[in-house]
């Protein structure tokens, strides 16, 4: 099915790694598009937005949210709580024909705000399952989307043409599209994304507490680096995510705590068969999902 809408004017609230990467993709797919980003500094230039202007990714930068009334589509790419705050300020200026989407990794708060604002027909949640421990526009690239999943979380009355446009955009940037209910999305990402960041941070902090002479740090190699790479991500972003997806994260942490307790008991009991089984089960599932 072909798109029956044409979007030519795009607005961005938040322009870091993911927002910048989406903008790169739009510029490559639609070279004539007008792409605008909001400068939240308002009273001074934003170095990263100026960089995007120089790169030709952005067409213009604005400090006025009312300018977004001209947009055919707006991408909310700030931290999840910040997206909700900007949505409240944007609502009076939105065209009724403007598609509204986000890239946040939690959907509960933004969906509640969308419903409260009466914008359910215009909104289609999005979450590119990609990224890096690096932060900032300077690390952005459309290549982040190649062979990755980009999850959409439309609501019951989201306009079908917006869903179709997003699907085609996702396929065009080289991603796989998956449709999920917003609540299911938040439960899944708690397990595969949010809790891993909590575990990584807890492990780093545990090592740091013991490392009074930097011996741990000097000897940390492949295993520690692999498990803890994601701890170099934005602290503000992960604070936002944990507070926004609290219940799903706590539910999964309870399950993980039980699993750690099983490991501890089996190691303490020196139950070789049970220990080997736990490692074998983990290897089998991980090998399966990475095929």
Protein backbone atom coordinates (compact mmCIF):
# COMPACT_ATOMS: atom_id res chain seq x y z
CA UNK A 1 0.00 0.00 0.00
CA UNK A 2 1.41 3.37 -1.02
CA UNK A 3 1.45 6.44 1.20
CA UNK A 4 -1.52 8.69 0.55
CA UNK A 5 0.03 11.63 2.40
CA UNK A 6 3.08 13.74 1.65
CA UNK A 7 5.12 15.13 4.52
CA UNK A 8 7.58 17.89 3.64
CA UNK A 9 8.03 19.96 6.82
CA UNK A 10 9.54 18.20 9.81
CA UNK A 11 10.12 19.52 13.32
CA UNK A 12 12.38 18.15 16.06
CA UNK A 13 12.20 18.72 19.80
CA UNK A 14 15.45 17.26 21.09
CA UNK A 15 18.34 16.75 18.71
CA UNK A 16 20.86 14.36 20.19
CA UNK A 17 22.05 10.98 18.98
CA UNK A 18 18.68 9.52 17.97
CA UNK A 19 16.97 12.74 16.92
CA UNK A 20 19.98 13.65 14.83
CA UNK A 21 20.05 10.18 13.27
CA UNK A 22 16.36 10.39 12.32
CA UNK A 23 17.00 13.82 10.79
CA UNK A 24 19.96 12.44 8.81
CA UNK A 25 17.68 9.71 7.46
CA UNK A 26 14.95 12.17 6.50
CA UNK A 27 17.47 14.42 4.74
CA UNK A 28 18.84 11.48 2.77
CA UNK A 29 15.40 10.17 1.80
CA UNK A 30 13.78 13.55 1.16
CA UNK A 31 16.53 16.00 0.11
CA UNK A 32 14.06 18.85 -0.44
CA UNK A 33 12.43 18.51 2.99
CA UNK A 34 12.38 21.44 5.42
CA UNK A 35 13.77 20.21 8.73
CA UNK A 36 13.55 22.46 11.77
CA UNK A 37 14.81 21.96 15.33
CA UNK A 38 14.04 23.76 18.56
CA UNK A 39 16.85 25.56 20.40
CA UNK A 40 15.91 25.22 24.07
CA UNK A 41 18.68 27.64 25.03
CA UNK A 42 16.46 30.37 23.50
CA UNK A 43 18.81 33.25 24.35
CA UNK A 44 22.04 31.87 22.86
CA UNK A 45 23.09 29.66 19.93
CA UNK A 46 23.12 25.89 20.32
CA UNK A 47 26.50 24.54 19.09
CA UNK A 48 25.15 21.13 18.05
CA UNK A 49 22.22 22.63 16.16
CA UNK A 50 24.61 25.00 14.42
CA UNK A 51 26.70 21.97 13.46
CA UNK A 52 23.60 20.35 11.94
CA UNK A 53 22.88 23.53 9.99
CA UNK A 54 26.42 23.52 8.63
CA UNK A 55 26.07 19.85 7.72
CA UNK A 56 22.93 20.63 5.76
CA UNK A 57 20.85 18.27 7.89
CA UNK A 58 18.78 21.10 9.36
CA UNK A 59 17.11 23.81 7.29
CA UNK A 60 16.56 26.13 10.23
CA UNK A 61 16.65 26.48 14.01
CA UNK A 62 13.96 28.22 16.04
CA UNK A 63 13.46 29.36 19.63
CA UNK A 64 9.69 29.71 19.16
CA UNK A 65 7.43 26.70 19.63
CA UNK A 66 4.69 28.46 17.66
CA UNK A 67 6.84 27.94 14.55
CA UNK A 68 6.00 24.23 14.81
CA UNK A 69 2.44 25.06 13.67
CA UNK A 70 3.89 24.87 10.13
CA UNK A 71 5.03 21.24 10.51
CA UNK A 72 3.57 18.20 8.78
CA UNK A 73 5.33 15.94 11.29
CA UNK A 74 7.02 16.47 14.65
CA UNK A 75 9.49 14.08 16.28
CA UNK A 76 9.79 14.31 20.08
CA UNK A 77 13.38 13.25 20.76
CA UNK A 78 14.13 14.71 24.19
CA UNK A 79 14.33 12.58 27.38
CA UNK A 80 10.98 10.91 28.07
CA UNK A 81 9.83 13.26 30.85
CA UNK A 82 10.95 16.29 28.89
CA UNK A 83 8.91 15.11 25.90
CA UNK A 84 5.78 15.22 28.05
CA UNK A 85 6.52 18.76 29.18
CA UNK A 86 7.15 19.95 25.64
CA UNK A 87 3.97 18.26 24.45
CA UNK A 88 1.96 20.46 26.82
CA UNK A 89 3.63 23.57 25.42
CA UNK A 90 3.30 22.42 21.82
CA UNK A 91 -0.36 21.46 21.91
CA UNK A 92 -1.79 24.97 21.34
CA UNK A 93 0.35 25.33 18.23
CA UNK A 94 -0.21 21.93 16.58
CA UNK A 95 -1.97 21.71 13.24
CA UNK A 96 -4.76 19.08 13.35
CA UNK A 97 -3.10 17.49 10.31
CA UNK A 98 0.36 17.20 11.91
CA UNK A 99 1.66 13.69 12.61
CA UNK A 100 3.19 13.51 16.08
CA UNK A 101 5.66 10.79 17.04
CA UNK A 102 8.41 10.20 19.57
CA UNK A 103 11.52 8.04 19.93
CA UNK A 104 11.29 7.44 23.68
CA UNK A 105 11.93 4.06 25.26
CA UNK A 106 8.92 4.40 27.61
CA UNK A 107 5.38 4.93 26.36
CA UNK A 108 3.20 5.08 29.47
CA UNK A 109 3.65 8.77 30.34
CA UNK A 110 3.57 10.12 26.78
CA UNK A 111 0.45 8.10 25.92
CA UNK A 112 -1.30 9.42 29.04
CA UNK A 113 -0.35 12.98 28.07
CA UNK A 114 -1.49 12.43 24.47
CA UNK A 115 -4.88 11.17 25.66
CA UNK A 116 -5.27 14.08 28.06
CA UNK A 117 -4.50 16.52 25.22
CA UNK A 118 -6.96 14.83 22.85
CA UNK A 119 -4.25 14.05 20.30
CA UNK A 120 -4.68 10.29 19.94
CA UNK A 121 -5.57 10.45 16.23
CA UNK A 122 -2.35 12.35 15.47
CA UNK A 123 0.05 10.32 17.60
CA UNK A 124 2.02 7.22 16.76
CA UNK A 125 4.64 6.21 19.29
CA UNK A 126 8.01 5.08 17.99
CA UNK A 127 11.14 3.53 19.46
CA UNK A 128 14.20 2.78 17.33
CA UNK A 129 15.92 -0.15 19.02
CA UNK A 130 19.38 1.17 18.30
CA UNK A 131 21.92 3.65 19.60
CA UNK A 132 25.30 3.92 21.26
CA UNK A 133 26.88 4.74 24.58
CA UNK A 134 28.00 7.95 22.85
CA UNK A 135 25.68 10.93 23.19
CA UNK A 136 25.12 14.02 21.08
CA UNK A 137 24.32 14.99 17.51
CA UNK A 138 27.99 14.70 16.49
CA UNK A 139 27.72 10.90 16.76
CA UNK A 140 24.43 10.65 14.83
CA UNK A 141 24.09 8.78 11.54
CA UNK A 142 21.31 7.14 9.57
CA UNK A 143 23.39 3.95 9.60
CA UNK A 144 22.24 3.33 13.17
CA UNK A 145 18.92 2.07 11.77
CA UNK A 146 20.24 -0.52 9.33
CA UNK A 147 19.10 -4.05 10.25
CA UNK A 148 17.62 -2.88 13.57
CA UNK A 149 14.05 -3.02 14.84
CA UNK A 150 12.03 0.18 14.99
CA UNK A 151 8.97 -0.39 17.19
CA UNK A 152 5.71 1.49 16.57
CA UNK A 153 3.05 1.78 19.30
CA UNK A 154 -0.04 3.27 17.60
CA UNK A 155 -3.21 3.88 19.57
CA UNK A 156 -6.63 2.51 18.67
CA UNK A 157 -7.61 5.60 16.69
CA UNK A 158 -4.24 6.67 15.28
CA UNK A 159 -4.78 7.72 11.67
CA UNK A 160 -3.96 4.75 9.40
CA UNK A 161 -2.10 7.00 6.96
CA UNK A 162 0.33 7.98 9.70
CA UNK A 163 0.98 4.35 10.56
CA UNK A 164 1.57 3.60 6.89
CA UNK A 165 3.93 6.57 6.46
CA UNK A 166 5.99 5.51 9.48
CA UNK A 167 6.14 1.90 8.28
CA UNK A 168 7.44 2.95 4.88
CA UNK A 169 9.95 5.35 6.46
CA UNK A 170 11.21 2.58 8.74
CA UNK A 171 11.65 0.16 5.85
CA UNK A 172 13.33 2.86 3.75
CA UNK A 173 16.01 3.48 6.41
CA UNK A 174 16.80 -0.23 6.51
CA UNK A 175 15.01 -1.16 9.74
CA UNK A 176 12.48 -3.85 10.58
CA UNK A 177 9.11 -2.59 11.78
CA UNK A 178 7.29 -4.16 14.75
CA UNK A 179 3.90 -3.04 16.05
CA UNK A 180 3.35 -3.34 19.81
CA UNK A 181 0.75 -2.23 22.32
CA UNK A 182 2.31 0.58 24.42
CA UNK A 183 2.03 -1.39 27.68
CA UNK A 184 3.56 -4.51 26.13
CA UNK A 185 6.36 -2.35 24.76
CA UNK A 186 7.19 -0.98 28.21
CA UNK A 187 7.25 -4.47 29.74
CA UNK A 188 9.56 -5.81 27.03
CA UNK A 189 12.05 -2.94 27.11
CA UNK A 190 12.21 -3.13 30.91
CA UNK A 191 13.71 -6.61 30.50
CA UNK A 192 15.94 -6.14 27.48
CA UNK A 193 17.05 -2.53 27.88
CA UNK A 194 16.19 -0.78 31.13
CA UNK A 195 17.14 -3.40 33.71
CA UNK A 196 20.41 -4.21 31.87
CA UNK A 197 21.38 -0.54 32.38
CA UNK A 198 20.53 -0.82 36.09
CA UNK A 199 22.56 -4.02 36.38
CA UNK A 200 25.48 -2.48 34.50
CA UNK A 201 25.49 0.59 36.76
CA UNK A 202 25.23 -1.56 39.90
CA UNK A 203 28.19 -3.67 38.78
CA UNK A 204 30.32 -0.62 37.97
CA UNK A 205 29.47 1.00 41.29
CA UNK A 206 30.25 -2.23 43.17
CA UNK A 207 33.69 -2.47 41.56
CA UNK A 208 34.36 1.24 42.09
CA UNK A 209 33.59 0.89 45.81
CA UNK A 210 36.37 -1.71 46.14
CA UNK A 211 38.90 -0.09 43.81
CA UNK A 212 40.88 2.14 46.18
CA UNK A 213 44.15 1.72 44.25
CA UNK A 214 42.81 1.33 40.65
CA UNK A 215 43.84 -2.32 40.45
CA UNK A 216 40.34 -3.34 39.34
CA UNK A 217 40.30 -0.62 36.73
CA UNK A 218 43.72 -1.51 35.35
CA UNK A 219 42.85 -5.20 35.04
CA UNK A 220 39.27 -4.77 33.75
CA UNK A 221 39.16 -6.44 30.35
CA UNK A 222 36.72 -7.92 27.85
CA UNK A 223 34.04 -9.31 30.15
CA UNK A 224 33.75 -6.21 32.32
CA UNK A 225 33.91 -3.89 29.31
CA UNK A 226 31.20 -5.82 27.44
CA UNK A 227 28.80 -5.98 30.37
CA UNK A 228 29.31 -2.36 31.44
CA UNK A 229 29.70 -0.48 28.13
CA UNK A 230 26.18 0.93 28.42
CA UNK A 231 27.03 2.64 31.73
CA UNK A 232 28.70 5.38 29.68
CA UNK A 233 25.25 6.49 28.48
CA UNK A 234 23.53 9.69 29.61
CA UNK A 235 22.74 9.62 33.38
CA UNK A 236 19.86 12.09 32.89
CA UNK A 237 18.27 9.90 30.23
CA UNK A 238 18.43 6.77 32.39
CA UNK A 239 17.14 8.60 35.45
CA UNK A 240 14.15 9.67 33.31
CA UNK A 241 13.60 6.16 31.99
CA UNK A 242 13.71 4.49 35.41
CA UNK A 243 11.27 7.00 36.87
CA UNK A 244 8.92 6.74 33.87
CA UNK A 245 8.90 2.92 33.65
CA UNK A 246 9.09 2.30 37.40
CA UNK A 247 6.54 -0.53 37.76
CA UNK A 248 7.77 -2.62 34.83
CA UNK A 249 11.40 -2.20 35.91
CA UNK A 250 10.62 -3.19 39.51
CA UNK A 251 8.70 -6.25 38.32
CA UNK A 252 11.61 -7.41 36.21
CA UNK A 253 14.17 -6.57 38.92
CA UNK A 254 12.26 -8.87 41.28
CA UNK A 255 12.61 -11.69 38.75
CA UNK A 256 16.28 -10.92 38.22
CA UNK A 257 16.89 -10.83 41.99
CA UNK A 258 15.39 -14.32 42.24
CA UNK A 259 17.70 -15.50 39.47
CA UNK A 260 20.77 -14.03 41.21
CA UNK A 261 19.65 -15.74 44.44
CA UNK A 262 19.49 -19.07 42.56
CA UNK A 263 23.03 -18.58 41.29
CA UNK A 264 24.26 -17.67 44.75
CA UNK A 265 22.67 -20.72 46.37
CA UNK A 266 23.97 -23.11 43.72
CA UNK A 267 27.49 -21.70 43.92
CA UNK A 268 27.41 -21.89 47.72
CA UNK A 269 26.21 -25.51 47.58
CA UNK A 270 28.83 -26.37 44.94
CA UNK A 271 26.13 -28.00 42.83
CA UNK A 272 28.14 -28.48 39.64
CA UNK A 273 25.31 -29.95 37.56
CA UNK A 274 22.85 -27.19 38.46
CA UNK A 275 25.47 -24.50 37.82
CA UNK A 276 26.34 -25.94 34.42
CA UNK A 277 22.63 -26.09 33.57
CA UNK A 278 22.12 -22.39 34.37
CA UNK A 279 25.02 -21.40 32.13
CA UNK A 280 23.91 -23.81 29.38
CA UNK A 281 20.35 -22.44 29.40
CA UNK A 282 21.67 -18.89 29.15
CA UNK A 283 23.99 -19.81 26.27
CA UNK A 284 21.23 -21.63 24.38
CA UNK A 285 18.78 -18.72 24.58
CA UNK A 286 21.36 -16.06 23.73
CA UNK A 287 22.72 -18.06 20.80
CA UNK A 288 19.16 -18.51 19.55
CA UNK A 289 18.18 -14.83 19.64
CA UNK A 290 21.44 -13.73 17.98
CA UNK A 291 21.04 -16.04 14.97
